Each structure stands twice: as C-alpha cells, then as structure tokens.
PDB file of N, CA and C in Angstrom:
ATOM      1  N   MET A   1       2.962  20.391 -18.351  1.00  0.00           N
ATOM      2  CA  MET A   1       3.346  19.658 -17.160  1.00  0.00           C
ATOM      3  C   MET A   1       2.210  18.692 -16.794  1.00  0.00           C
ATOM      4  N   ALA A   2       2.557  17.499 -16.408  1.00  0.00           N
ATOM      5  CA  ALA A   2       1.559  16.486 -16.063  1.00  0.00           C
ATOM      6  C   ALA A   2       0.922  16.788 -14.706  1.00  0.00           C
ATOM      7  N   THR A   3      -0.326  16.384 -14.579  1.00  0.00           N
ATOM      8  CA  THR A   3      -1.008  16.574 -13.303  1.00  0.00           C
ATOM      9  C   THR A   3      -0.771  15.362 -12.420  1.00  0.00           C
ATOM     10  N   ARG A   4      -0.741  15.592 -11.139  1.00  0.00           N
ATOM     11  CA  ARG A   4      -0.523  14.510 -10.182  1.00  0.00           C
ATOM     12  C   ARG A   4      -1.835  13.816  -9.892  1.00  0.00           C
ATOM     13  N   VAL A   5      -1.757  12.501  -9.736  1.00  0.00           N
ATOM     14  CA  VAL A   5      -2.948  11.717  -9.448  1.00  0.00           C
ATOM     15  C   VAL A   5      -2.821  11.162  -8.039  1.00  0.00           C
ATOM     16  N   SER A   6      -3.868  11.302  -7.266  1.00  0.00           N
ATOM     17  CA  SER A   6      -3.885  10.769  -5.912  1.00  0.00           C
ATOM     18  C   SER A   6      -4.724   9.500  -5.897  1.00  0.00           C
ATOM     19  N   TYR A   7      -4.094   8.388  -5.515  1.00  0.00           N
ATOM     20  CA  TYR A   7      -4.791   7.110  -5.448  1.00  0.00           C
ATOM     21  C   TYR A   7      -5.208   6.836  -4.005  1.00  0.00           C
ATOM     22  N   PRO A   8      -6.401   6.292  -3.796  1.00  0.00           N
ATOM     23  CA  PRO A   8      -6.832   5.986  -2.431  1.00  0.00           C
ATOM     24  C   PRO A   8      -6.009   4.841  -1.828  1.00  0.00           C
ATOM     25  N   PHE A   9      -5.928   4.816  -0.517  1.00  0.00           N
ATOM     26  CA  PHE A   9      -5.156   3.808   0.209  1.00  0.00           C
ATOM     27  C   PHE A   9      -5.604   2.393  -0.169  1.00  0.00           C
ATOM     28  N   GLU A  10      -6.916   2.178  -0.286  1.00  0.00           N
ATOM     29  CA  GLU A  10      -7.447   0.850  -0.583  1.00  0.00           C
ATOM     30  C   GLU A  10      -6.970   0.364  -1.952  1.00  0.00           C
ATOM     31  N   LEU A  11      -6.917   1.263  -2.937  1.00  0.00           N
ATOM     32  CA  LEU A  11      -6.436   0.896  -4.261  1.00  0.00           C
ATOM     33  C   LEU A  11      -4.966   0.513  -4.206  1.00  0.00           C
ATOM     34  N   LYS A  12      -4.183   1.255  -3.453  1.00  0.00           N
ATOM     35  CA  LYS A  12      -2.753   0.948  -3.326  1.00  0.00           C
ATOM     36  C   LYS A  12      -2.547  -0.431  -2.707  1.00  0.00           C
ATOM     37  N   MET A  13      -3.324  -0.740  -1.652  1.00  0.00           N
ATOM     38  CA  MET A  13      -3.196  -2.046  -1.003  1.00  0.00           C
ATOM     39  C   MET A  13      -3.656  -3.164  -1.943  1.00  0.00           C
ATOM     40  N   LYS A  14      -4.699  -2.922  -2.735  1.00  0.00           N
ATOM     41  CA  LYS A  14      -5.175  -3.908  -3.704  1.00  0.00           C
ATOM     42  C   LYS A  14      -4.084  -4.184  -4.740  1.00  0.00           C
ATOM     43  N   ALA A  15      -3.415  -3.126  -5.206  1.00  0.00           N
ATOM     44  CA  ALA A  15      -2.329  -3.285  -6.175  1.00  0.00           C
ATOM     45  C   ALA A  15      -1.185  -4.100  -5.573  1.00  0.00           C
ATOM     46  N   ILE A  16      -0.845  -3.833  -4.326  1.00  0.00           N
ATOM     47  CA  ILE A  16       0.228  -4.574  -3.656  1.00  0.00           C
ATOM     48  C   ILE A  16      -0.159  -6.041  -3.512  1.00  0.00           C
ATOM     49  N   GLU A  17      -1.402  -6.298  -3.101  1.00  0.00           N
ATOM     50  CA  GLU A  17      -1.864  -7.680  -2.955  1.00  0.00           C
ATOM     51  C   GLU A  17      -1.798  -8.426  -4.283  1.00  0.00           C
ATOM     52  N   MET A  18      -2.216  -7.765  -5.352  1.00  0.00           N
ATOM     53  CA  MET A  18      -2.193  -8.396  -6.670  1.00  0.00           C
ATOM     54  C   MET A  18      -0.764  -8.734  -7.077  1.00  0.00           C
ATOM     55  N   ARG A  19       0.167  -7.818  -6.834  1.00  0.00           N
ATOM     56  CA  ARG A  19       1.571  -8.080  -7.180  1.00  0.00           C
ATOM     57  C   ARG A  19       2.130  -9.223  -6.344  1.00  0.00           C
ATOM     58  N   LEU A  20       1.769  -9.293  -5.057  1.00  0.00           N
ATOM     59  CA  LEU A  20       2.238 -10.377  -4.203  1.00  0.00           C
ATOM     60  C   LEU A  20       1.677 -11.726  -4.647  1.00  0.00           C
ATOM     61  N   GLU A  21       0.520 -11.708  -5.280  1.00  0.00           N
ATOM     62  CA  GLU A  21      -0.089 -12.932  -5.803  1.00  0.00           C
ATOM     63  C   GLU A  21       0.497 -13.321  -7.156  1.00  0.00           C
ATOM     64  N   GLY A  22       1.368 -12.472  -7.706  1.00  0.00           N
ATOM     65  CA  GLY A  22       2.039 -12.802  -8.960  1.00  0.00           C
ATOM     66  C   GLY A  22       1.385 -12.245 -10.203  1.00  0.00           C
ATOM     67  N   VAL A  23       0.440 -11.330 -10.058  1.00  0.00           N
ATOM     68  CA  VAL A  23      -0.207 -10.710 -11.216  1.00  0.00           C
ATOM     69  C   VAL A  23       0.808  -9.767 -11.876  1.00  0.00           C
ATOM     70  N   PRO A  24       0.967  -9.838 -13.207  1.00  0.00           N
ATOM     71  CA  PRO A  24       1.931  -8.968 -13.897  1.00  0.00           C
ATOM     72  C   PRO A  24       1.620  -7.478 -13.696  1.00  0.00           C
ATOM     73  N   VAL A  25       2.653  -6.667 -13.734  1.00  0.00           N
ATOM     74  CA  VAL A  25       2.529  -5.225 -13.512  1.00  0.00           C
ATOM     75  C   VAL A  25       1.541  -4.602 -14.504  1.00  0.00           C
ATOM     76  N   ARG A  26       1.648  -4.946 -15.779  1.00  0.00           N
ATOM     77  CA  ARG A  26       0.761  -4.374 -16.800  1.00  0.00           C
ATOM     78  C   ARG A  26      -0.702  -4.654 -16.483  1.00  0.00           C
ATOM     79  N   GLU A  27      -0.982  -5.882 -16.056  1.00  0.00           N
ATOM     80  CA  GLU A  27      -2.362  -6.259 -15.758  1.00  0.00           C
ATOM     81  C   GLU A  27      -2.893  -5.486 -14.543  1.00  0.00           C
ATOM     82  N   VAL A  28      -2.057  -5.324 -13.525  1.00  0.00           N
ATOM     83  CA  VAL A  28      -2.449  -4.553 -12.340  1.00  0.00           C
ATOM     84  C   VAL A  28      -2.761  -3.115 -12.755  1.00  0.00           C
ATOM     85  N   MET A  29      -1.894  -2.547 -13.589  1.00  0.00           N
ATOM     86  CA  MET A  29      -2.095  -1.167 -14.034  1.00  0.00           C
ATOM     87  C   MET A  29      -3.395  -1.017 -14.815  1.00  0.00           C
ATOM     88  N   GLU A  30      -3.685  -1.962 -15.692  1.00  0.00           N
ATOM     89  CA  GLU A  30      -4.905  -1.882 -16.501  1.00  0.00           C
ATOM     90  C   GLU A  30      -6.151  -2.045 -15.645  1.00  0.00           C
ATOM     91  N   GLN A  31      -6.135  -3.030 -14.744  1.00  0.00           N
ATOM     92  CA  GLN A  31      -7.323  -3.305 -13.934  1.00  0.00           C
ATOM     93  C   GLN A  31      -7.642  -2.178 -12.959  1.00  0.00           C
ATOM     94  N   LEU A  32      -6.609  -1.565 -12.398  1.00  0.00           N
ATOM     95  CA  LEU A  32      -6.827  -0.556 -11.361  1.00  0.00           C
ATOM     96  C   LEU A  32      -6.693   0.882 -11.863  1.00  0.00           C
ATOM     97  N   GLY A  33      -6.319   1.058 -13.129  1.00  0.00           N
ATOM     98  CA  GLY A  33      -6.224   2.398 -13.696  1.00  0.00           C
ATOM     99  C   GLY A  33      -5.027   3.184 -13.191  1.00  0.00           C
ATOM    100  N   ILE A  34      -3.923   2.506 -12.942  1.00  0.00           N
ATOM    101  CA  ILE A  34      -2.689   3.170 -12.498  1.00  0.00           C
ATOM    102  C   ILE A  34      -1.927   3.612 -13.734  1.00  0.00           C
ATOM    103  N   ARG A  35      -1.493   4.849 -13.766  1.00  0.00           N
ATOM    104  CA  ARG A  35      -0.863   5.429 -14.954  1.00  0.00           C
ATOM    105  C   ARG A  35       0.602   5.035 -15.142  1.00  0.00           C
ATOM    106  N   ASN A  36       1.336   4.881 -14.047  1.00  0.00           N
ATOM    107  CA  ASN A  36       2.782   4.748 -14.148  1.00  0.00           C
ATOM    108  C   ASN A  36       3.264   3.524 -13.374  1.00  0.00           C
ATOM    109  N   LYS A  37       4.053   2.672 -14.045  1.00  0.00           N
ATOM    110  CA  LYS A  37       4.534   1.460 -13.375  1.00  0.00           C
ATOM    111  C   LYS A  37       5.522   1.786 -12.258  1.00  0.00           C
ATOM    112  N   THR A  38       6.206   2.915 -12.352  1.00  0.00           N
ATOM    113  CA  THR A  38       7.145   3.309 -11.305  1.00  0.00           C
ATOM    114  C   THR A  38       6.409   3.562  -9.995  1.00  0.00           C
ATOM    115  N   GLN A  39       5.203   4.083 -10.082  1.00  0.00           N
ATOM    116  CA  GLN A  39       4.416   4.344  -8.882  1.00  0.00           C
ATOM    117  C   GLN A  39       4.146   3.042  -8.136  1.00  0.00           C
ATOM    118  N   LEU A  40       3.808   2.005  -8.886  1.00  0.00           N
ATOM    119  CA  LEU A  40       3.553   0.694  -8.294  1.00  0.00           C
ATOM    120  C   LEU A  40       4.810   0.145  -7.621  1.00  0.00           C
ATOM    121  N   LYS A  41       5.954   0.356  -8.246  1.00  0.00           N
ATOM    122  CA  LYS A  41       7.224  -0.099  -7.666  1.00  0.00           C
ATOM    123  C   LYS A  41       7.519   0.626  -6.352  1.00  0.00           C
ATOM    124  N   VAL A  42       7.206   1.916  -6.298  1.00  0.00           N
ATOM    125  CA  VAL A  42       7.424   2.695  -5.079  1.00  0.00           C
ATOM    126  C   VAL A  42       6.540   2.163  -3.953  1.00  0.00           C
ATOM    127  N   TRP A  43       5.272   1.883  -4.265  1.00  0.00           N
ATOM    128  CA  TRP A  43       4.362   1.339  -3.253  1.00  0.00           C
ATOM    129  C   TRP A  43       4.860   0.003  -2.729  1.00  0.00           C
ATOM    130  N   MET A  44       5.362  -0.848  -3.627  1.00  0.00           N
ATOM    131  CA  MET A  44       5.891  -2.155  -3.216  1.00  0.00           C
ATOM    132  C   MET A  44       7.115  -1.969  -2.312  1.00  0.00           C
ATOM    133  N   LYS A  45       7.958  -1.018  -2.660  1.00  0.00           N
ATOM    134  CA  LYS A  45       9.147  -0.743  -1.851  1.00  0.00           C
ATOM    135  C   LYS A  45       8.744  -0.301  -0.447  1.00  0.00           C
ATOM    136  N   TRP A  46       7.801   0.617  -0.363  1.00  0.00           N
ATOM    137  CA  TRP A  46       7.331   1.088   0.938  1.00  0.00           C
ATOM    138  C   TRP A  46       6.745  -0.063   1.737  1.00  0.00           C
ATOM    139  N   TYR A  47       5.981  -0.931   1.083  1.00  0.00           N
ATOM    140  CA  TYR A  47       5.356  -2.071   1.766  1.00  0.00           C
ATOM    141  C   TYR A  47       6.431  -3.021   2.313  1.00  0.00           C
ATOM    142  N   ARG A  48       7.409  -3.364   1.475  1.00  0.00           N
ATOM    143  CA  ARG A  48       8.479  -4.285   1.896  1.00  0.00           C
ATOM    144  C   ARG A  48       9.299  -3.714   3.050  1.00  0.00           C
ATOM    145  N   GLU A  49       9.493  -2.402   3.047  1.00  0.00           N
ATOM    146  CA  GLU A  49      10.294  -1.757   4.080  1.00  0.00           C
ATOM    147  C   GLU A  49       9.491  -1.435   5.338  1.00  0.00           C
ATOM    148  N   GLY A  50       8.201  -1.746   5.330  1.00  0.00           N
ATOM    149  CA  GLY A  50       7.361  -1.498   6.501  1.00  0.00           C
ATOM    150  C   GLY A  50       6.900  -0.062   6.640  1.00  0.00           C
ATOM    151  N   ASP A  51       7.004   0.716   5.580  1.00  0.00           N
ATOM    152  CA  ASP A  51       6.580   2.119   5.598  1.00  0.00           C
ATOM    153  C   ASP A  51       5.155   2.266   5.070  1.00  0.00           C
ATOM    154  N   VAL A  52       4.258   1.406   5.534  1.00  0.00           N
ATOM    155  CA  VAL A  52       2.889   1.396   5.038  1.00  0.00           C
ATOM    156  C   VAL A  52       2.182   2.726   5.314  1.00  0.00           C
ATOM    157  N   HIS A  53       2.596   3.421   6.375  1.00  0.00           N
ATOM    158  CA  HIS A  53       1.979   4.723   6.655  1.00  0.00           C
ATOM    159  C   HIS A  53       2.156   5.694   5.499  1.00  0.00           C
ATOM    160  N   ARG A  54       3.189   5.494   4.689  1.00  0.00           N
ATOM    161  CA  ARG A  54       3.424   6.391   3.555  1.00  0.00           C
ATOM    162  C   ARG A  54       2.371   6.216   2.464  1.00  0.00           C
ATOM    163  N   LEU A  55       1.698   5.056   2.440  1.00  0.00           N
ATOM    164  CA  LEU A  55       0.652   4.830   1.447  1.00  0.00           C
ATOM    165  C   LEU A  55      -0.558   5.722   1.697  1.00  0.00           C
ATOM    166  N   GLU A  56      -0.703   6.194   2.917  1.00  0.00           N
ATOM    167  CA  GLU A  56      -1.845   7.035   3.272  1.00  0.00           C
ATOM    168  C   GLU A  56      -1.549   8.530   3.117  1.00  0.00           C
ATOM    169  N   GLN A  57      -0.313   8.895   2.834  1.00  0.00           N
ATOM    170  CA  GLN A  57       0.031  10.312   2.750  1.00  0.00           C
ATOM    171  C   GLN A  57      -0.471  10.916   1.445  1.00  0.00           C
ATOM    172  N   PRO A  58      -0.846  12.195   1.461  1.00  0.00           N
ATOM    173  CA  PRO A  58      -1.324  12.851   0.241  1.00  0.00           C
ATOM    174  C   PRO A  58      -0.187  13.052  -0.763  1.00  0.00           C
ATOM    175  N   VAL A  59      -0.552  13.325  -1.997  1.00  0.00           N
ATOM    176  CA  VAL A  59       0.427  13.539  -3.060  1.00  0.00           C
ATOM    177  C   VAL A  59       1.345  14.693  -2.689  1.00  0.00           C
ATOM    178  N   GLY A  60       2.635  14.475  -2.830  1.00  0.00           N
ATOM    179  CA  GLY A  60       3.611  15.522  -2.565  1.00  0.00           C
ATOM    180  C   GLY A  60       3.965  15.697  -1.103  1.00  0.00           C
ATOM    181  N   LYS A  61       3.275  15.019  -0.214  1.00  0.00           N
ATOM    182  CA  LYS A  61       3.549  15.154   1.222  1.00  0.00           C
ATOM    183  C   LYS A  61       4.575  14.100   1.615  1.00  0.00           C
ATOM    184  N   GLN A  62       5.731  14.535   2.037  1.00  0.00           N
ATOM    185  CA  GLN A  62       6.783  13.616   2.449  1.00  0.00           C
ATOM    186  C   GLN A  62       7.050  13.802   3.929  1.00  0.00           C
ATOM    187  N   TYR A  63       6.862  12.742   4.681  1.00  0.00           N
ATOM    188  CA  TYR A  63       7.145  12.800   6.102  1.00  0.00           C
ATOM    189  C   TYR A  63       8.653  12.781   6.315  1.00  0.00           C
ATOM    190  N   SER A  64       9.091  13.311   7.427  1.00  0.00           N
ATOM    191  CA  SER A  64      10.505  13.279   7.757  1.00  0.00           C
ATOM    192  C   SER A  64      10.972  11.840   7.817  1.00  0.00           C
ATOM    193  N   TYR A  65      12.222  11.609   7.459  1.00  0.00           N
ATOM    194  CA  TYR A  65      12.762  10.255   7.422  1.00  0.00           C
ATOM    195  C   TYR A  65      12.614   9.580   8.774  1.00  0.00           C
ATOM    196  N   GLY A  66      12.075   8.371   8.748  1.00  0.00           N
ATOM    197  CA  GLY A  66      11.956   7.578   9.968  1.00  0.00           C
ATOM    198  C   GLY A  66      10.748   7.900  10.822  1.00  0.00           C
ATOM    199  N   LYS A  67       9.975   8.888  10.417  1.00  0.00           N
ATOM    200  CA  LYS A  67       8.803   9.263  11.202  1.00  0.00           C
ATOM    201  C   LYS A  67       7.545   8.944  10.427  1.00  0.00           C
ATOM    202  N   GLY A  68       6.546   8.518  11.133  1.00  0.00           N
ATOM    203  CA  GLY A  68       5.254   8.266  10.518  1.00  0.00           C
ATOM    204  C   GLY A  68       4.395   9.509  10.611  1.00  0.00           C
ATOM    205  N   PRO A  69       3.148   9.376  10.216  1.00  0.00           N
ATOM    206  CA  PRO A  69       2.253  10.525  10.302  1.00  0.00           C
ATOM    207  C   PRO A  69       1.960  10.879  11.756  1.00  0.00           C
ATOM    208  N   GLU A  70       1.630  12.113  11.977  1.00  0.00           N
ATOM    209  CA  GLU A  70       1.276  12.526  13.328  1.00  0.00           C
ATOM    210  C   GLU A  70      -0.230  12.378  13.494  1.00  0.00           C
ATOM    211  N   TYR A  71      -0.633  11.670  14.525  1.00  0.00           N
ATOM    212  CA  TYR A  71      -2.046  11.414  14.773  1.00  0.00           C
ATOM    213  C   TYR A  71      -2.572  12.406  15.797  1.00  0.00           C
ATOM    214  N   SER A  72      -3.846  12.744  15.654  1.00  0.00           N
ATOM    215  CA  SER A  72      -4.438  13.710  16.563  1.00  0.00           C
ATOM    216  C   SER A  72      -4.759  13.085  17.914  1.00  0.00           C
ATOM    217  N   SER A  73      -4.874  11.749  17.957  1.00  0.00           N
ATOM    218  CA  SER A  73      -5.169  11.096  19.232  1.00  0.00           C
ATOM    219  C   SER A  73      -4.536   9.707  19.267  1.00  0.00           C
ATOM    220  N   GLU A  74      -4.437   9.176  20.456  1.00  0.00           N
ATOM    221  CA  GLU A  74      -3.895   7.825  20.634  1.00  0.00           C
ATOM    222  C   GLU A  74      -4.819   6.804  19.979  1.00  0.00           C
ATOM    223  N   LEU A  75      -6.119   7.051  20.031  1.00  0.00           N
ATOM    224  CA  LEU A  75      -7.095   6.143  19.418  1.00  0.00           C
ATOM    225  C   LEU A  75      -6.869   6.053  17.910  1.00  0.00           C
ATOM    226  N   GLU A  76      -6.654   7.178  17.268  1.00  0.00           N
ATOM    227  CA  GLU A  76      -6.418   7.203  15.823  1.00  0.00           C
ATOM    228  C   GLU A  76      -5.150   6.428  15.473  1.00  0.00           C
ATOM    229  N   LYS A  77      -4.116   6.586  16.276  1.00  0.00           N
ATOM    230  CA  LYS A  77      -2.861   5.873  16.055  1.00  0.00           C
ATOM    231  C   LYS A  77      -3.069   4.365  16.187  1.00  0.00           C
ATOM    232  N   LEU A  78      -3.791   3.951  17.211  1.00  0.00           N
ATOM    233  CA  LEU A  78      -4.049   2.527  17.424  1.00  0.00           C
ATOM    234  C   LEU A  78      -4.930   1.945  16.317  1.00  0.00           C
ATOM    235  N   GLN A  79      -5.870   2.726  15.817  1.00  0.00           N
ATOM    236  CA  GLN A  79      -6.720   2.261  14.726  1.00  0.00           C
ATOM    237  C   GLN A  79      -5.894   2.034  13.457  1.00  0.00           C
ATOM    238  N   ALA A  80      -4.965   2.926  13.174  1.00  0.00           N
ATOM    239  CA  ALA A  80      -4.106   2.774  11.996  1.00  0.00           C
ATOM    240  C   ALA A  80      -3.219   1.537  12.148  1.00  0.00           C
ATOM    241  N   GLU A  81      -2.672   1.342  13.318  1.00  0.00           N
ATOM    242  CA  GLU A  81      -1.829   0.169  13.566  1.00  0.00           C
ATOM    243  C   GLU A  81      -2.649  -1.114  13.452  1.00  0.00           C
ATOM    244  N   ASN A  82      -3.859  -1.098  13.983  1.00  0.00           N
ATOM    245  CA  ASN A  82      -4.753  -2.251  13.916  1.00  0.00           C
ATOM    246  C   ASN A  82      -5.081  -2.584  12.455  1.00  0.00           C
ATOM    247  N   ARG A  83      -5.364  -1.568  11.650  1.00  0.00           N
ATOM    248  CA  ARG A  83      -5.671  -1.761  10.231  1.00  0.00           C
ATOM    249  C   ARG A  83      -4.483  -2.403   9.515  1.00  0.00           C
ATOM    250  N   PHE A  84      -3.288  -1.932   9.811  1.00  0.00           N
ATOM    251  CA  PHE A  84      -2.078  -2.475   9.194  1.00  0.00           C
ATOM    252  C   PHE A  84      -1.882  -3.938   9.570  1.00  0.00           C
ATOM    253  N   LEU A  85      -2.047  -4.267  10.841  1.00  0.00           N
ATOM    254  CA  LEU A  85      -1.854  -5.646  11.298  1.00  0.00           C
ATOM    255  C   LEU A  85      -2.908  -6.585  10.705  1.00  0.00           C
ATOM    256  N   LYS A  86      -4.129  -6.115  10.569  1.00  0.00           N
ATOM    257  CA  LYS A  86      -5.177  -6.929   9.946  1.00  0.00           C
ATOM    258  C   LYS A  86      -4.836  -7.223   8.487  1.00  0.00           C
ATOM    259  N   GLN A  87      -4.297  -6.231   7.791  1.00  0.00           N
ATOM    260  CA  GLN A  87      -3.921  -6.426   6.391  1.00  0.00           C
ATOM    261  C   GLN A  87      -2.808  -7.456   6.272  1.00  0.00           C
ATOM    262  N   GLN A  88      -1.855  -7.428   7.180  1.00  0.00           N
ATOM    263  CA  GLN A  88      -0.785  -8.408   7.153  1.00  0.00           C
ATOM    264  C   GLN A  88      -1.330  -9.813   7.395  1.00  0.00           C
ATOM    265  N   LEU A  89      -2.243  -9.943   8.341  1.00  0.00           N
ATOM    266  CA  LEU A  89      -2.856 -11.247   8.613  1.00  0.00           C
ATOM    267  C   LEU A  89      -3.634 -11.758   7.401  1.00  0.00           C
ATOM    268  N   ASP A  90      -4.366 -10.883   6.752  1.00  0.00           N
ATOM    269  CA  ASP A  90      -5.125 -11.281   5.571  1.00  0.00           C
ATOM    270  C   ASP A  90      -4.201 -11.809   4.475  1.00  0.00           C
ATOM    271  N   LEU A  91      -3.060 -11.137   4.280  1.00  0.00           N
ATOM    272  CA  LEU A  91      -2.112 -11.594   3.264  1.00  0.00           C
ATOM    273  C   LEU A  91      -1.521 -12.947   3.638  1.00  0.00           C
ATOM    274  N   LEU A  92      -1.206 -13.143   4.897  1.00  0.00           N
ATOM    275  CA  LEU A  92      -0.666 -14.436   5.328  1.00  0.00           C
ATOM    276  C   LEU A  92      -1.686 -15.546   5.124  1.00  0.00           C
ATOM    277  N   LYS A  93      -2.940 -15.260   5.378  1.00  0.00           N
ATOM    278  CA  LYS A  93      -3.992 -16.259   5.162  1.00  0.00           C
ATOM    279  C   LYS A  93      -4.082 -16.637   3.687  1.00  0.00           C
ATOM    280  N   LYS A  94      -3.946 -15.651   2.805  1.00  0.00           N
ATOM    281  CA  LYS A  94      -3.995 -15.932   1.367  1.00  0.00           C
ATOM    282  C   LYS A  94      -2.841 -16.834   0.952  1.00  0.00           C
ATOM    283  N   TYR A  95      -1.654 -16.591   1.503  1.00  0.00           N
ATOM    284  CA  TYR A  95      -0.504 -17.410   1.161  1.00  0.00           C
ATOM    285  C   TYR A  95      -0.668 -18.849   1.629  1.00  0.00           C
ATOM    286  N   THR A  96      -1.193 -19.037   2.824  1.00  0.00           N
ATOM    287  CA  THR A  96      -1.391 -20.393   3.297  1.00  0.00           C
ATOM    288  C   THR A  96      -2.430 -21.125   2.462  1.00  0.00           C
ATOM    289  N   GLU A  97      -3.443 -20.411   1.984  1.00  0.00           N
ATOM    290  CA  GLU A  97      -4.428 -21.015   1.086  1.00  0.00           C
ATOM    291  C   GLU A  97      -3.779 -21.411  -0.239  1.00  0.00           C
ATOM    292  N   LEU A  98      -2.910 -20.553  -0.767  1.00  0.00           N
ATOM    293  CA  LEU A  98      -2.225 -20.867  -2.017  1.00  0.00           C
ATOM    294  C   LEU A  98      -1.277 -22.049  -1.859  1.00  0.00           C
ATOM    295  N   GLU A  99      -0.609 -22.169  -0.741  1.00  0.00           N
ATOM    296  CA  GLU A  99       0.314 -23.269  -0.504  1.00  0.00           C
ATOM    297  C   GLU A  99      -0.423 -24.592  -0.417  1.00  0.00           C
ATOM    298  N   ARG A 100      -1.633 -24.576   0.104  1.00  0.00           N
ATOM    299  CA  ARG A 100      -2.426 -25.798   0.215  1.00  0.00           C
ATOM    300  C   ARG A 100      -2.799 -26.351  -1.156  1.00  0.00           C
ATOM    301  N   ARG A 101      -2.986 -25.457  -2.117  1.00  0.00           N
ATOM    302  CA  ARG A 101      -3.369 -25.875  -3.477  1.00  0.00           C
ATOM    303  C   ARG A 101      -2.187 -26.460  -4.129  1.00  0.00           C
TER     304      ARG A 101
END
C-alpha cells in the first residue's frame, strides 16, 4: 500500500500559481516534487471553488461539506482570511503585469 504524502500549504499555493501562469503540469510536478498529477488537479479545483481552507487540512482530514476549519480564536480566523485575500491580490497583480507585456 502506498504511503500518503503531506504537502505544505506554501507548496500547494506555489503549484497553483505556476498552473495559473500556464506552466505545464509535468513541469510543476518535477520542480516541486509532487508525485501525482491528480493531486494537483484537486488543489486547482479547491482553489477555483473558493475552498482554499482545504489546502491547509492534514492528509485524510475532510471537513464537513460547506464548513471550513474550526479556529481556536477570532484572531486566528481573521489571520487566515487575511492570508487568503493577500494571496488573491498577489495573483491579480501578476496577471496585470503579464497583460502589460
């Protein structure tokens, strides 16, 4: 039986950014050491559907449908939301730079 691999959140976001920039799946997998192309497709699906909180969940941990992770404090929840919004802004900035070229 194969062992499960847990990828850090930052690696998942880097893979998503690379795919959004048009980098081929094989190249993303080789550069970041991702074993399975299906995993990358799942991350992209979660990103497109706005389920970015799922990228932070541990291997095998599935949150109830429609619910995000439970935070221990309001501050932690706001920090996660802030991180997500900053990532979206960064991606939009990259697109505007690409359009200018």
